[in-house]
Amino acid sequence: MLLLLLGIIVLHVTVLVLLFVSTIVSQWLVNGEHTADLWQNCTSGSVFHCLTSSTNEWLQSVQALMILSIIFSVL
């Protein structure tokens, strides 16, 4: 029983770490000189240029749910 409890605790800590990493990581999609993540889209041609990526409603809902999941996981 103690081994099962230890396994559940390790699994929860692992999921929490992966949640933080997936929210903070800066490159989800990489396509040549273009990178995109949850917060901004960047182009690295002759000039490095970044724009916020919160123009779509679905992306704003994903951003809100990721922040809420971190808050509720910490609580």
PDB file of N, CA and C in Angstrom:
ATOM      1  N   MET A   1       0.821  -1.193   0.000  1.00  0.00           N
ATOM      2  CA  MET A   1       0.000   0.000   0.000  1.00  0.00           C
ATOM      3  C   MET A   1       0.868   1.262   0.000  1.00  0.00           C
ATOM      4  N   LEU A   2       1.951   1.213   0.757  1.00  0.00           N
ATOM      5  CA  LEU A   2       2.864   2.350   0.797  1.00  0.00           C
ATOM      6  C   LEU A   2       3.537   2.559  -0.562  1.00  0.00           C
ATOM      7  N   LEU A   3       3.840   1.469  -1.245  1.00  0.00           N
ATOM      8  CA  LEU A   3       4.453   1.562  -2.573  1.00  0.00           C
ATOM      9  C   LEU A   3       3.484   2.191  -3.571  1.00  0.00           C
ATOM     10  N   LEU A   4       2.203   1.862  -3.472  1.00  0.00           N
ATOM     11  CA  LEU A   4       1.196   2.451  -4.347  1.00  0.00           C
ATOM     12  C   LEU A   4       1.070   3.951  -4.086  1.00  0.00           C
ATOM     13  N   LEU A   5       1.056   4.349  -2.831  1.00  0.00           N
ATOM     14  CA  LEU A   5       0.988   5.767  -2.482  1.00  0.00           C
ATOM     15  C   LEU A   5       2.214   6.521  -2.981  1.00  0.00           C
ATOM     16  N   LEU A   6       3.382   5.927  -2.852  1.00  0.00           N
ATOM     17  CA  LEU A   6       4.600   6.550  -3.354  1.00  0.00           C
ATOM     18  C   LEU A   6       4.558   6.703  -4.873  1.00  0.00           C
ATOM     19  N   GLY A   7       4.042   5.696  -5.563  1.00  0.00           N
ATOM     20  CA  GLY A   7       3.914   5.781  -7.015  1.00  0.00           C
ATOM     21  C   GLY A   7       2.961   6.884  -7.443  1.00  0.00           C
ATOM     22  N   ILE A   8       1.855   7.053  -6.721  1.00  0.00           N
ATOM     23  CA  ILE A   8       0.890   8.108  -7.040  1.00  0.00           C
ATOM     24  C   ILE A   8       1.507   9.482  -6.806  1.00  0.00           C
ATOM     25  N   ILE A   9       2.272   9.640  -5.733  1.00  0.00           N
ATOM     26  CA  ILE A   9       2.922  10.925  -5.449  1.00  0.00           C
ATOM     27  C   ILE A   9       3.948  11.258  -6.532  1.00  0.00           C
ATOM     28  N   VAL A  10       4.745  10.276  -6.940  1.00  0.00           N
ATOM     29  CA  VAL A  10       5.735  10.498  -7.999  1.00  0.00           C
ATOM     30  C   VAL A  10       5.039  10.862  -9.311  1.00  0.00           C
ATOM     31  N   LEU A  11       3.938  10.198  -9.619  1.00  0.00           N
ATOM     32  CA  LEU A  11       3.196  10.508 -10.841  1.00  0.00           C
ATOM     33  C   LEU A  11       2.646  11.927 -10.803  1.00  0.00           C
ATOM     34  N   HIS A  12       2.104  12.365  -9.690  1.00  0.00           N
ATOM     35  CA  HIS A  12       1.561  13.714  -9.588  1.00  0.00           C
ATOM     36  C   HIS A  12       2.650  14.780  -9.695  1.00  0.00           C
ATOM     37  N   VAL A  13       3.788  14.540  -9.091  1.00  0.00           N
ATOM     38  CA  VAL A  13       4.889  15.507  -9.191  1.00  0.00           C
ATOM     39  C   VAL A  13       5.396  15.576 -10.629  1.00  0.00           C
ATOM     40  N   THR A  14       5.477  14.441 -11.299  1.00  0.00           N
ATOM     41  CA  THR A  14       5.907  14.418 -12.696  1.00  0.00           C
ATOM     42  C   THR A  14       4.938  15.192 -13.588  1.00  0.00           C
ATOM     43  N   VAL A  15       3.654  15.003 -13.379  1.00  0.00           N
ATOM     44  CA  VAL A  15       2.647  15.719 -14.171  1.00  0.00           C
ATOM     45  C   VAL A  15       2.727  17.213 -13.907  1.00  0.00           C
ATOM     46  N   LEU A  16       2.951  17.615 -12.670  1.00  0.00           N
ATOM     47  CA  LEU A  16       3.067  19.032 -12.343  1.00  0.00           C
ATOM     48  C   LEU A  16       4.285  19.664 -13.012  1.00  0.00           C
ATOM     49  N   VAL A  17       5.399  18.959 -13.018  1.00  0.00           N
ATOM     50  CA  VAL A  17       6.605  19.464 -13.685  1.00  0.00           C
ATOM     51  C   VAL A  17       6.372  19.580 -15.196  1.00  0.00           C
ATOM     52  N   LEU A  18       5.749  18.583 -15.797  1.00  0.00           N
ATOM     53  CA  LEU A  18       5.457  18.643 -17.231  1.00  0.00           C
ATOM     54  C   LEU A  18       4.484  19.764 -17.574  1.00  0.00           C
ATOM     55  N   LEU A  19       3.542  20.043 -16.681  1.00  0.00           N
ATOM     56  CA  LEU A  19       2.615  21.152 -16.893  1.00  0.00           C
ATOM     57  C   LEU A  19       3.346  22.484 -16.890  1.00  0.00           C
ATOM     58  N   PHE A  20       4.255  22.683 -15.929  1.00  0.00           N
ATOM     59  CA  PHE A  20       5.050  23.912 -15.903  1.00  0.00           C
ATOM     60  C   PHE A  20       5.910  24.040 -17.155  1.00  0.00           C
ATOM     61  N   VAL A  21       6.564  22.974 -17.546  1.00  0.00           N
ATOM     62  CA  VAL A  21       7.452  23.016 -18.710  1.00  0.00           C
ATOM     63  C   VAL A  21       6.667  23.308 -19.984  1.00  0.00           C
ATOM     64  N   SER A  22       5.524  22.658 -20.163  1.00  0.00           N
ATOM     65  CA  SER A  22       4.752  22.875 -21.389  1.00  0.00           C
ATOM     66  C   SER A  22       4.159  24.270 -21.461  1.00  0.00           C
ATOM     67  N   THR A  23       3.912  24.905 -20.325  1.00  0.00           N
ATOM     68  CA  THR A  23       3.395  26.270 -20.337  1.00  0.00           C
ATOM     69  C   THR A  23       4.510  27.279 -20.601  1.00  0.00           C
ATOM     70  N   ILE A  24       5.695  27.025 -20.085  1.00  0.00           N
ATOM     71  CA  ILE A  24       6.777  28.005 -20.150  1.00  0.00           C
ATOM     72  C   ILE A  24       7.632  27.863 -21.415  1.00  0.00           C
ATOM     73  N   VAL A  25       7.726  26.663 -21.987  1.00  0.00           N
ATOM     74  CA  VAL A  25       8.644  26.420 -23.100  1.00  0.00           C
ATOM     75  C   VAL A  25       8.364  27.392 -24.258  1.00  0.00           C
ATOM     76  N   SER A  26       9.413  27.825 -24.910  1.00  0.00           N
ATOM     77  CA  SER A  26       9.278  28.917 -25.870  1.00  0.00           C
ATOM     78  C   SER A  26       9.191  28.482 -27.328  1.00  0.00           C
ATOM     79  N   GLN A  27       9.261  27.210 -27.625  1.00  0.00           N
ATOM     80  CA  GLN A  27       9.161  26.803 -29.026  1.00  0.00           C
ATOM     81  C   GLN A  27       8.350  25.518 -29.125  1.00  0.00           C
ATOM     82  N   TRP A  28       7.074  25.651 -29.430  1.00  0.00           N
ATOM     83  CA  TRP A  28       6.223  24.480 -29.641  1.00  0.00           C
ATOM     84  C   TRP A  28       6.302  24.020 -31.088  1.00  0.00           C
ATOM     85  N   LEU A  29       6.236  24.959 -32.011  1.00  0.00           N
ATOM     86  CA  LEU A  29       6.308  24.651 -33.441  1.00  0.00           C
ATOM     87  C   LEU A  29       7.517  25.359 -34.048  1.00  0.00           C
ATOM     88  N   VAL A  30       8.334  24.618 -34.767  1.00  0.00           N
ATOM     89  CA  VAL A  30       9.498  25.199 -35.431  1.00  0.00           C
ATOM     90  C   VAL A  30       9.407  24.839 -36.905  1.00  0.00           C
ATOM     91  N   ASN A  31       9.416  25.869 -37.759  1.00  0.00           N
ATOM     92  CA  ASN A  31       9.325  25.668 -39.198  1.00  0.00           C
ATOM     93  C   ASN A  31      10.321  26.600 -39.877  1.00  0.00           C
ATOM     94  N   GLY A  32      11.537  26.136 -40.040  1.00  0.00           N
ATOM     95  CA  GLY A  32      12.574  26.957 -40.674  1.00  0.00           C
ATOM     96  C   GLY A  32      12.926  28.147 -39.809  1.00  0.00           C
ATOM     97  N   GLU A  33      12.614  29.343 -40.289  1.00  0.00           N
ATOM     98  CA  GLU A  33      12.915  30.567 -39.551  1.00  0.00           C
ATOM     99  C   GLU A  33      11.744  31.023 -38.691  1.00  0.00           C
ATOM    100  N   HIS A  34      10.653  30.274 -38.690  1.00  0.00           N
ATOM    101  CA  HIS A  34       9.458  30.666 -37.947  1.00  0.00           C
ATOM    102  C   HIS A  34       9.256  29.741 -36.745  1.00  0.00           C
ATOM    103  N   THR A  35       9.095  30.316 -35.556  1.00  0.00           N
ATOM    104  CA  THR A  35       8.790  29.540 -34.355  1.00  0.00           C
ATOM    105  C   THR A  35       7.506  30.076 -33.732  1.00  0.00           C
ATOM    106  N   ALA A  36       6.726  29.184 -33.150  1.00  0.00           N
ATOM    107  CA  ALA A  36       5.476  29.584 -32.514  1.00  0.00           C
ATOM    108  C   ALA A  36       5.325  28.830 -31.202  1.00  0.00           C
ATOM    109  N   ASP A  37       4.753  29.505 -30.245  1.00  0.00           N
ATOM    110  CA  ASP A  37       4.455  28.867 -28.966  1.00  0.00           C
ATOM    111  C   ASP A  37       3.118  29.382 -28.465  1.00  0.00           C
ATOM    112  N   LEU A  38       2.854  29.168 -27.190  1.00  0.00           N
ATOM    113  CA  LEU A  38       1.575  29.544 -26.616  1.00  0.00           C
ATOM    114  C   LEU A  38       1.428  31.049 -26.484  1.00  0.00           C
ATOM    115  N   TRP A  39       2.519  31.784 -26.419  1.00  0.00           N
ATOM    116  CA  TRP A  39       2.451  33.209 -26.112  1.00  0.00           C
ATOM    117  C   TRP A  39       2.838  34.118 -27.259  1.00  0.00           C
ATOM    118  N   GLN A  40       3.734  33.676 -28.163  1.00  0.00           N
ATOM    119  CA  GLN A  40       4.148  34.562 -29.240  1.00  0.00           C
ATOM    120  C   GLN A  40       4.623  33.779 -30.462  1.00  0.00           C
ATOM    121  N   ASN A  41       4.576  34.451 -31.614  1.00  0.00           N
ATOM    122  CA  ASN A  41       5.080  33.921 -32.877  1.00  0.00           C
ATOM    123  C   ASN A  41       6.292  34.749 -33.280  1.00  0.00           C
ATOM    124  N   CYS A  42       7.392  34.084 -33.578  1.00  0.00           N
ATOM    125  CA  CYS A  42       8.634  34.788 -33.899  1.00  0.00           C
ATOM    126  C   CYS A  42       9.140  34.382 -35.280  1.00  0.00           C
ATOM    127  N   THR A  43       9.747  35.341 -35.969  1.00  0.00           N
ATOM    128  CA  THR A  43      10.403  35.111 -37.247  1.00  0.00           C
ATOM    129  C   THR A  43      11.838  35.583 -37.111  1.00  0.00           C
ATOM    130  N   SER A  44      12.779  34.721 -37.500  1.00  0.00           N
ATOM    131  CA  SER A  44      14.190  35.061 -37.330  1.00  0.00           C
ATOM    132  C   SER A  44      14.905  35.114 -38.671  1.00  0.00           C
ATOM    133  N   GLY A  45      14.476  36.012 -39.529  1.00  0.00           N
ATOM    134  CA  GLY A  45      15.154  36.206 -40.803  1.00  0.00           C
ATOM    135  C   GLY A  45      16.336  37.127 -40.605  1.00  0.00           C
ATOM    136  N   SER A  46      16.402  38.201 -41.383  1.00  0.00           N
ATOM    137  CA  SER A  46      17.478  39.182 -41.208  1.00  0.00           C
ATOM    138  C   SER A  46      17.263  39.984 -39.921  1.00  0.00           C
ATOM    139  N   VAL A  47      15.980  40.130 -39.511  1.00  0.00           N
ATOM    140  CA  VAL A  47      15.636  40.818 -38.269  1.00  0.00           C
ATOM    141  C   VAL A  47      14.752  39.891 -37.452  1.00  0.00           C
ATOM    142  N   PHE A  48      15.072  39.739 -36.172  1.00  0.00           N
ATOM    143  CA  PHE A  48      14.278  38.892 -35.268  1.00  0.00           C
ATOM    144  C   PHE A  48      13.042  39.673 -34.848  1.00  0.00           C
ATOM    145  N   HIS A  49      11.841  39.156 -35.191  1.00  0.00           N
ATOM    146  CA  HIS A  49      10.604  39.887 -34.956  1.00  0.00           C
ATOM    147  C   HIS A  49       9.596  38.956 -34.288  1.00  0.00           C
ATOM    148  N   CYS A  50       8.982  39.390 -33.181  1.00  0.00           N
ATOM    149  CA  CYS A  50       7.997  38.586 -32.454  1.00  0.00           C
ATOM    150  C   CYS A  50       6.671  39.331 -32.342  1.00  0.00           C
ATOM    151  N   LEU A  51       5.580  38.594 -32.503  1.00  0.00           N
ATOM    152  CA  LEU A  51       4.234  39.117 -32.324  1.00  0.00           C
ATOM    153  C   LEU A  51       3.504  38.252 -31.313  1.00  0.00           C
ATOM    154  N   THR A  52       2.573  38.847 -30.579  1.00  0.00           N
ATOM    155  CA  THR A  52       1.778  38.041 -29.659  1.00  0.00           C
ATOM    156  C   THR A  52       0.865  37.131 -30.451  1.00  0.00           C
ATOM    157  N   SER A  53       0.618  35.949 -29.918  1.00  0.00           N
ATOM    158  CA  SER A  53      -0.187  34.981 -30.658  1.00  0.00           C
ATOM    159  C   SER A  53      -1.581  34.820 -30.068  1.00  0.00           C
ATOM    160  N   SER A  54      -2.079  35.840 -29.405  1.00  0.00           N
ATOM    161  CA  SER A  54      -3.395  35.733 -28.771  1.00  0.00           C
ATOM    162  C   SER A  54      -4.489  36.373 -29.613  1.00  0.00           C
ATOM    163  N   THR A  55      -4.482  36.136 -30.914  1.00  0.00           N
ATOM    164  CA  THR A  55      -5.515  36.714 -31.764  1.00  0.00           C
ATOM    165  C   THR A  55      -6.699  35.777 -31.946  1.00  0.00           C
ATOM    166  N   ASN A  56      -6.518  34.493 -31.760  1.00  0.00           N
ATOM    167  CA  ASN A  56      -7.606  33.536 -31.929  1.00  0.00           C
ATOM    168  C   ASN A  56      -8.281  33.270 -30.590  1.00  0.00           C
ATOM    169  N   GLU A  57      -9.590  33.022 -30.648  1.00  0.00           N
ATOM    170  CA  GLU A  57     -10.338  32.750 -29.419  1.00  0.00           C
ATOM    171  C   GLU A  57      -9.912  31.424 -28.799  1.00  0.00           C
ATOM    172  N   TRP A  58      -9.639  30.410 -29.622  1.00  0.00           N
ATOM    173  CA  TRP A  58      -9.258  29.109 -29.083  1.00  0.00           C
ATOM    174  C   TRP A  58      -7.901  29.190 -28.402  1.00  0.00           C
ATOM    175  N   LEU A  59      -7.001  30.013 -28.934  1.00  0.00           N
ATOM    176  CA  LEU A  59      -5.688  30.156 -28.324  1.00  0.00           C
ATOM    177  C   LEU A  59      -5.774  30.893 -26.993  1.00  0.00           C
ATOM    178  N   GLN A  60      -6.647  31.896 -26.906  1.00  0.00           N
ATOM    179  CA  GLN A  60      -6.848  32.590 -25.643  1.00  0.00           C
ATOM    180  C   GLN A  60      -7.454  31.654 -24.597  1.00  0.00           C
ATOM    181  N   SER A  61      -8.333  30.761 -25.019  1.00  0.00           N
ATOM    182  CA  SER A  61      -8.904  29.814 -24.060  1.00  0.00           C
ATOM    183  C   SER A  61      -7.857  28.799 -23.607  1.00  0.00           C
ATOM    184  N   VAL A  62      -6.963  28.384 -24.495  1.00  0.00           N
ATOM    185  CA  VAL A  62      -5.874  27.474 -24.111  1.00  0.00           C
ATOM    186  C   VAL A  62      -4.939  28.164 -23.127  1.00  0.00           C
ATOM    187  N   GLN A  63      -4.612  29.433 -23.374  1.00  0.00           N
ATOM    188  CA  GLN A  63      -3.761  30.178 -22.447  1.00  0.00           C
ATOM    189  C   GLN A  63      -4.410  30.271 -21.071  1.00  0.00           C
ATOM    190  N   ALA A  64      -5.699  30.589 -21.027  1.00  0.00           N
ATOM    191  CA  ALA A  64      -6.397  30.719 -19.748  1.00  0.00           C
ATOM    192  C   ALA A  64      -6.465  29.382 -19.023  1.00  0.00           C
ATOM    193  N   LEU A  65      -6.740  28.304 -19.743  1.00  0.00           N
ATOM    194  CA  LEU A  65      -6.839  27.001 -19.106  1.00  0.00           C
ATOM    195  C   LEU A  65      -5.483  26.496 -18.610  1.00  0.00           C
ATOM    196  N   MET A  66      -4.409  26.813 -19.316  1.00  0.00           N
ATOM    197  CA  MET A  66      -3.076  26.429 -18.845  1.00  0.00           C
ATOM    198  C   MET A  66      -2.726  27.161 -17.545  1.00  0.00           C
ATOM    199  N   ILE A  67      -3.033  28.451 -17.472  1.00  0.00           N
ATOM    200  CA  ILE A  67      -2.774  29.212 -16.244  1.00  0.00           C
ATOM    201  C   ILE A  67      -3.648  28.700 -15.109  1.00  0.00           C
ATOM    202  N   LEU A  68      -4.927  28.449 -15.374  1.00  0.00           N
ATOM    203  CA  LEU A  68      -5.821  27.925 -14.337  1.00  0.00           C
ATOM    204  C   LEU A  68      -5.381  26.551 -13.866  1.00  0.00           C
ATOM    205  N   SER A  69      -4.905  25.705 -14.762  1.00  0.00           N
ATOM    206  CA  SER A  69      -4.464  24.371 -14.348  1.00  0.00           C
ATOM    207  C   SER A  69      -3.227  24.447 -13.464  1.00  0.00           C
ATOM    208  N   ILE A  70      -2.338  25.397 -13.736  1.00  0.00           N
ATOM    209  CA  ILE A  70      -1.175  25.566 -12.858  1.00  0.00           C
ATOM    210  C   ILE A  70      -1.615  26.058 -11.482  1.00  0.00           C
ATOM    211  N   ILE A  71      -2.516  27.033 -11.455  1.00  0.00           N
ATOM    212  CA  ILE A  71      -2.995  27.560 -10.168  1.00  0.00           C
ATOM    213  C   ILE A  71      -3.669  26.469  -9.348  1.00  0.00           C
ATOM    214  N   PHE A  72      -4.564  25.696  -9.974  1.00  0.00           N
ATOM    215  CA  PHE A  72      -5.268  24.654  -9.240  1.00  0.00           C
ATOM    216  C   PHE A  72      -4.344  23.507  -8.857  1.00  0.00           C
ATOM    217  N   SER A  73      -3.327  23.240  -9.645  1.00  0.00           N
ATOM    218  CA  SER A  73      -2.379  22.186  -9.287  1.00  0.00           C
ATOM    219  C   SER A  73      -1.533  22.571  -8.085  1.00  0.00           C
ATOM    220  N   VAL A  74      -1.169  23.824  -7.998  1.00  0.00           N
ATOM    221  CA  VAL A  74      -0.379  24.281  -6.861  1.00  0.00           C
ATOM    222  C   VAL A  74      -1.217  24.273  -5.584  1.00  0.00           C
ATOM    223  N   LEU A  75      -2.478  24.661  -5.739  1.00  0.00           N
ATOM    224  CA  LEU A  75      -3.358  24.659  -4.556  1.00  0.00           C
ATOM    225  C   LEU A  75      -3.597  23.246  -4.089  1.00  0.00           C
TER     226      LEU A  75
END
